Amino acid sequence: MSDKLKQIIKKQSQKESGQENVDDVVQLVGFIIGDEEYAVPILSIQEIIKPFPWTRVPQVPKYVIGVFNMRGAVIPLIDLRMKFGLSPKKHNEETRFIVMRDGDDVAGFVIDRLTMAIRIKKSNIGPAPDTASGDDTMIDGVGKREDRIITILKVKKLLLRDF
């Protein structure tokens, strides 16, 4: 069966069952840094793992806390608290490493706490605030939920090597 035919059948079955169109929903993974909730597209995440030992590297920015070996690949480890200008925090039971990928670019990021997988309609995602707009910002948009606002980050910008 051709891909086009599969798409048509899928759309028809969604209309018949009253489901929302998959193209109208963005799937994200949420996490906490400090007191704020952030999210990145679920497809950019390679792994989410509990913290384990890493190797420190000299002469890199303070937020690059080291590198680690993941199945033969040496991956930089970035503390998002420090990258966002917050003070470092001792790792605890909720701390996680999120390994993100965009093409050939890969890095691990230390987060304070994982929240959940999030589905937000595209219509509920607004642009980055005027104070953070432009190509230099890490903010891709702002997702509006019933009870909170989630800052959606640009994975490509997070993975940009400025060291």
C-alpha atoms as a PDB file:
ATOM      1  CA  MET A   1       0.000   0.000   0.000  1.00  0.00           C
ATOM      2  CA  SER A   2       1.404   3.430  -0.926  1.00  0.00           C
ATOM      3  CA  ASP A   3       2.200   6.033   1.722  1.00  0.00           C
ATOM      4  CA  LYS A   4      -0.329   8.434   0.208  1.00  0.00           C
ATOM      5  CA  LEU A   5      -3.085   5.830   0.463  1.00  0.00           C
ATOM      6  CA  LYS A   6      -2.121   5.078   4.078  1.00  0.00           C
ATOM      7  CA  GLN A   7      -2.372   8.804   4.913  1.00  0.00           C
ATOM      8  CA  ILE A   8      -5.818   9.076   3.335  1.00  0.00           C
ATOM      9  CA  ILE A   9      -7.094   6.016   5.211  1.00  0.00           C
ATOM     10  CA  LYS A  10      -5.632   7.330   8.475  1.00  0.00           C
ATOM     11  CA  LYS A  11      -7.302  10.742   8.031  1.00  0.00           C
ATOM     12  CA  GLN A  12     -10.646   9.147   7.217  1.00  0.00           C
ATOM     13  CA  SER A  13     -10.523   6.870  10.246  1.00  0.00           C
ATOM     14  CA  GLN A  14      -9.656   9.844  12.477  1.00  0.00           C
ATOM     15  CA  LYS A  15     -12.605  11.822  11.135  1.00  0.00           C
ATOM     16  CA  GLU A  16     -14.919   8.882  11.673  1.00  0.00           C
ATOM     17  CA  SER A  17     -13.727   8.294  15.223  1.00  0.00           C
ATOM     18  CA  GLY A  18     -13.750  12.012  16.073  1.00  0.00           C
ATOM     19  CA  GLN A  19     -10.068  12.086  17.002  1.00  0.00           C
ATOM     20  CA  GLU A  20      -8.003  15.221  16.707  1.00  0.00           C
ATOM     21  CA  ASN A  21      -5.742  15.387  13.693  1.00  0.00           C
ATOM     22  CA  VAL A  22      -2.237  14.171  14.559  1.00  0.00           C
ATOM     23  CA  ASP A  23      -0.770  16.990  12.458  1.00  0.00           C
ATOM     24  CA  ASP A  24      -2.411  19.534  14.787  1.00  0.00           C
ATOM     25  CA  VAL A  25      -0.658  18.219  17.926  1.00  0.00           C
ATOM     26  CA  VAL A  26       2.948  18.658  19.049  1.00  0.00           C
ATOM     27  CA  GLN A  27       4.408  15.960  21.285  1.00  0.00           C
ATOM     28  CA  LEU A  28       6.924  17.192  23.837  1.00  0.00           C
ATOM     29  CA  VAL A  29       8.798  15.975  26.889  1.00  0.00           C
ATOM     30  CA  GLY A  30       8.605  18.302  29.871  1.00  0.00           C
ATOM     31  CA  PHE A  31      11.225  18.874  32.546  1.00  0.00           C
ATOM     32  CA  ILE A  32      11.999  21.241  35.388  1.00  0.00           C
ATOM     33  CA  ILE A  33      15.038  23.511  35.707  1.00  0.00           C
ATOM     34  CA  GLY A  34      14.918  25.570  38.893  1.00  0.00           C
ATOM     35  CA  ASP A  35      11.300  26.687  39.300  1.00  0.00           C
ATOM     36  CA  GLU A  36      10.393  26.682  35.593  1.00  0.00           C
ATOM     37  CA  GLU A  37       9.002  23.998  33.300  1.00  0.00           C
ATOM     38  CA  TYR A  38      10.541  23.562  29.862  1.00  0.00           C
ATOM     39  CA  ALA A  39       9.899  21.132  27.029  1.00  0.00           C
ATOM     40  CA  VAL A  40      11.556  19.844  23.866  1.00  0.00           C
ATOM     41  CA  PRO A  41      10.078  17.853  20.976  1.00  0.00           C
ATOM     42  CA  ILE A  42       9.898  14.176  21.869  1.00  0.00           C
ATOM     43  CA  LEU A  43      11.557  13.103  18.612  1.00  0.00           C
ATOM     44  CA  SER A  44      14.743  15.031  19.485  1.00  0.00           C
ATOM     45  CA  ILE A  45      15.328  12.904  22.595  1.00  0.00           C
ATOM     46  CA  GLN A  46      17.614   9.925  22.197  1.00  0.00           C
ATOM     47  CA  GLU A  47      17.620   8.774  25.835  1.00  0.00           C
ATOM     48  CA  ILE A  48      16.673   9.782  29.355  1.00  0.00           C
ATOM     49  CA  ILE A  49      18.947   8.237  31.977  1.00  0.00           C
ATOM     50  CA  LYS A  50      19.789   8.448  35.652  1.00  0.00           C
ATOM     51  CA  PRO A  51      23.041  10.289  36.402  1.00  0.00           C
ATOM     52  CA  PHE A  52      26.268   8.321  36.273  1.00  0.00           C
ATOM     53  CA  PRO A  53      29.975   9.246  36.434  1.00  0.00           C
ATOM     54  CA  TRP A  54      31.432  11.541  33.790  1.00  0.00           C
ATOM     55  CA  THR A  55      34.882  12.958  33.071  1.00  0.00           C
ATOM     56  CA  ARG A  56      35.666  16.616  33.633  1.00  0.00           C
ATOM     57  CA  VAL A  57      37.221  18.548  30.750  1.00  0.00           C
ATOM     58  CA  PRO A  58      39.491  21.598  31.206  1.00  0.00           C
ATOM     59  CA  GLN A  59      39.095  24.951  29.461  1.00  0.00           C
ATOM     60  CA  VAL A  60      35.383  24.761  28.640  1.00  0.00           C
ATOM     61  CA  PRO A  61      32.583  27.024  29.897  1.00  0.00           C
ATOM     62  CA  LYS A  62      31.423  26.281  33.453  1.00  0.00           C
ATOM     63  CA  TYR A  63      28.089  24.863  32.240  1.00  0.00           C
ATOM     64  CA  VAL A  64      29.926  22.106  30.313  1.00  0.00           C
ATOM     65  CA  ILE A  65      30.558  19.870  33.304  1.00  0.00           C
ATOM     66  CA  GLY A  66      32.320  17.125  31.348  1.00  0.00           C
ATOM     67  CA  VAL A  67      31.920  14.303  28.866  1.00  0.00           C
ATOM     68  CA  PHE A  68      30.644  10.739  29.112  1.00  0.00           C
ATOM     69  CA  ASN A  69      30.861   7.591  27.037  1.00  0.00           C
ATOM     70  CA  MET A  70      27.612   6.278  25.609  1.00  0.00           C
ATOM     71  CA  ARG A  71      28.073   3.112  23.538  1.00  0.00           C
ATOM     72  CA  GLY A  72      31.457   4.239  22.251  1.00  0.00           C
ATOM     73  CA  ALA A  73      30.523   7.875  21.549  1.00  0.00           C
ATOM     74  CA  VAL A  74      32.001  10.649  23.699  1.00  0.00           C
ATOM     75  CA  ILE A  75      29.198  13.090  24.453  1.00  0.00           C
ATOM     76  CA  PRO A  76      29.444  16.499  26.174  1.00  0.00           C
ATOM     77  CA  LEU A  77      27.406  16.920  29.367  1.00  0.00           C
ATOM     78  CA  ILE A  78      25.833  20.340  29.896  1.00  0.00           C
ATOM     79  CA  ASP A  79      24.229  21.490  33.147  1.00  0.00           C
ATOM     80  CA  LEU A  80      21.131  23.427  32.068  1.00  0.00           C
ATOM     81  CA  ARG A  81      20.875  25.130  35.466  1.00  0.00           C
ATOM     82  CA  MET A  82      24.272  26.726  34.911  1.00  0.00           C
ATOM     83  CA  LYS A  83      23.601  27.431  31.219  1.00  0.00           C
ATOM     84  CA  PHE A  84      20.437  29.298  32.243  1.00  0.00           C
ATOM     85  CA  GLY A  85      22.332  31.352  34.858  1.00  0.00           C
ATOM     86  CA  LEU A  86      21.171  29.448  37.951  1.00  0.00           C
ATOM     87  CA  SER A  87      23.480  28.144  40.662  1.00  0.00           C
ATOM     88  CA  PRO A  88      24.539  24.491  40.399  1.00  0.00           C
ATOM     89  CA  LYS A  89      22.604  21.953  42.438  1.00  0.00           C
ATOM     90  CA  LYS A  90      23.744  18.641  43.883  1.00  0.00           C
ATOM     91  CA  HIS A  91      22.239  15.715  41.986  1.00  0.00           C
ATOM     92  CA  ASN A  92      19.448  13.877  43.760  1.00  0.00           C
ATOM     93  CA  GLU A  93      17.017  11.033  43.095  1.00  0.00           C
ATOM     94  CA  GLU A  94      15.030  13.131  40.585  1.00  0.00           C
ATOM     95  CA  THR A  95      18.021  14.414  38.572  1.00  0.00           C
ATOM     96  CA  ARG A  96      18.219  13.038  35.024  1.00  0.00           C
ATOM     97  CA  PHE A  97      20.464  13.259  31.978  1.00  0.00           C
ATOM     98  CA  ILE A  98      18.558  13.857  28.734  1.00  0.00           C
ATOM     99  CA  VAL A  99      20.515  12.982  25.610  1.00  0.00           C
ATOM    100  CA  MET A 100      19.264  15.078  22.691  1.00  0.00           C
ATOM    101  CA  ARG A 101      20.082  14.744  19.011  1.00  0.00           C
ATOM    102  CA  ASP A 102      19.653  16.971  15.987  1.00  0.00           C
ATOM    103  CA  GLY A 103      21.269  15.374  12.946  1.00  0.00           C
ATOM    104  CA  ASP A 104      24.884  14.630  13.873  1.00  0.00           C
ATOM    105  CA  ASP A 105      24.840  16.943  16.906  1.00  0.00           C
ATOM    106  CA  VAL A 106      24.413  15.121  20.225  1.00  0.00           C
ATOM    107  CA  ALA A 107      24.760  16.273  23.832  1.00  0.00           C
ATOM    108  CA  GLY A 108      23.609  15.253  27.276  1.00  0.00           C
ATOM    109  CA  PHE A 109      21.828  17.762  29.494  1.00  0.00           C
ATOM    110  CA  VAL A 110      21.439  17.666  33.268  1.00  0.00           C
ATOM    111  CA  ILE A 111      17.886  18.513  34.351  1.00  0.00           C
ATOM    112  CA  ASP A 112      16.462  18.847  37.846  1.00  0.00           C
ATOM    113  CA  ARG A 113      13.380  16.705  37.271  1.00  0.00           C
ATOM    114  CA  LEU A 114      11.475  15.057  34.464  1.00  0.00           C
ATOM    115  CA  THR A 115       7.769  15.921  34.350  1.00  0.00           C
ATOM    116  CA  MET A 116       5.842  14.114  31.606  1.00  0.00           C
ATOM    117  CA  ALA A 117       5.154  13.584  27.954  1.00  0.00           C
ATOM    118  CA  ILE A 118       3.016  16.499  26.805  1.00  0.00           C
ATOM    119  CA  ARG A 119       0.641  16.812  23.873  1.00  0.00           C
ATOM    120  CA  ILE A 120      -0.221  20.389  22.951  1.00  0.00           C
ATOM    121  CA  LYS A 121      -2.349  21.534  20.038  1.00  0.00           C
ATOM    122  CA  LYS A 122      -0.385  23.773  17.676  1.00  0.00           C
ATOM    123  CA  SER A 123      -3.077  26.415  18.179  1.00  0.00           C
ATOM    124  CA  ASN A 124      -2.093  26.557  21.891  1.00  0.00           C
ATOM    125  CA  ILE A 125       1.553  27.326  21.127  1.00  0.00           C
ATOM    126  CA  GLY A 126       2.472  30.975  20.857  1.00  0.00           C
ATOM    127  CA  PRO A 127       5.669  32.596  19.624  1.00  0.00           C
ATOM    128  CA  ALA A 128       8.616  33.368  21.884  1.00  0.00           C
ATOM    129  CA  PRO A 129       8.085  36.544  23.945  1.00  0.00           C
ATOM    130  CA  ASP A 130       9.249  39.768  22.268  1.00  0.00           C
ATOM    131  CA  THR A 131      12.103  40.017  24.764  1.00  0.00           C
ATOM    132  CA  ALA A 132      13.435  36.644  23.585  1.00  0.00           C
ATOM    133  CA  SER A 133      12.629  36.674  19.876  1.00  0.00           C
ATOM    134  CA  GLY A 134      15.118  36.349  17.056  1.00  0.00           C
ATOM    135  CA  ASP A 135      17.623  33.752  15.969  1.00  0.00           C
ATOM    136  CA  ASP A 136      19.770  34.043  19.113  1.00  0.00           C
ATOM    137  CA  THR A 137      17.099  32.863  21.528  1.00  0.00           C
ATOM    138  CA  MET A 138      16.793  29.291  22.785  1.00  0.00           C
ATOM    139  CA  ILE A 139      13.023  29.712  23.079  1.00  0.00           C
ATOM    140  CA  ASP A 140      11.031  28.204  20.235  1.00  0.00           C
ATOM    141  CA  GLY A 141       7.629  29.081  21.650  1.00  0.00           C
ATOM    142  CA  VAL A 142       5.327  29.081  24.648  1.00  0.00           C
ATOM    143  CA  GLY A 143       2.839  26.265  25.155  1.00  0.00           C
ATOM    144  CA  LYS A 144      -0.369  27.157  26.962  1.00  0.00           C
ATOM    145  CA  ARG A 145      -1.971  24.486  29.117  1.00  0.00           C
ATOM    146  CA  GLU A 146      -5.059  24.846  31.293  1.00  0.00           C
ATOM    147  CA  ASP A 147      -3.052  25.253  34.472  1.00  0.00           C
ATOM    148  CA  ARG A 148       0.398  26.425  33.358  1.00  0.00           C
ATOM    149  CA  ILE A 149       2.677  27.795  30.662  1.00  0.00           C
ATOM    150  CA  ILE A 150       5.562  25.717  29.300  1.00  0.00           C
ATOM    151  CA  THR A 151       8.590  27.208  27.576  1.00  0.00           C
ATOM    152  CA  ILE A 152       9.469  25.173  24.488  1.00  0.00           C
ATOM    153  CA  LEU A 153      13.190  25.171  23.727  1.00  0.00           C
ATOM    154  CA  LYS A 154      15.000  24.981  20.383  1.00  0.00           C
ATOM    155  CA  VAL A 155      17.008  21.753  20.382  1.00  0.00           C
ATOM    156  CA  LYS A 156      19.234  22.996  17.547  1.00  0.00           C
ATOM    157  CA  LYS A 157      20.175  26.038  19.677  1.00  0.00           C
ATOM    158  CA  LEU A 158      20.774  23.922  22.809  1.00  0.00           C
ATOM    159  CA  LEU A 159      23.128  21.668  20.832  1.00  0.00           C
ATOM    160  CA  LEU A 160      25.042  24.564  19.263  1.00  0.00           C
ATOM    161  CA  ARG A 161      28.698  24.251  20.254  1.00  0.00           C
ATOM    162  CA  ASP A 162      29.949  27.576  21.540  1.00  0.00           C
ATOM    163  CA  PHE A 163      32.953  26.041  23.277  1.00  0.00           C
END
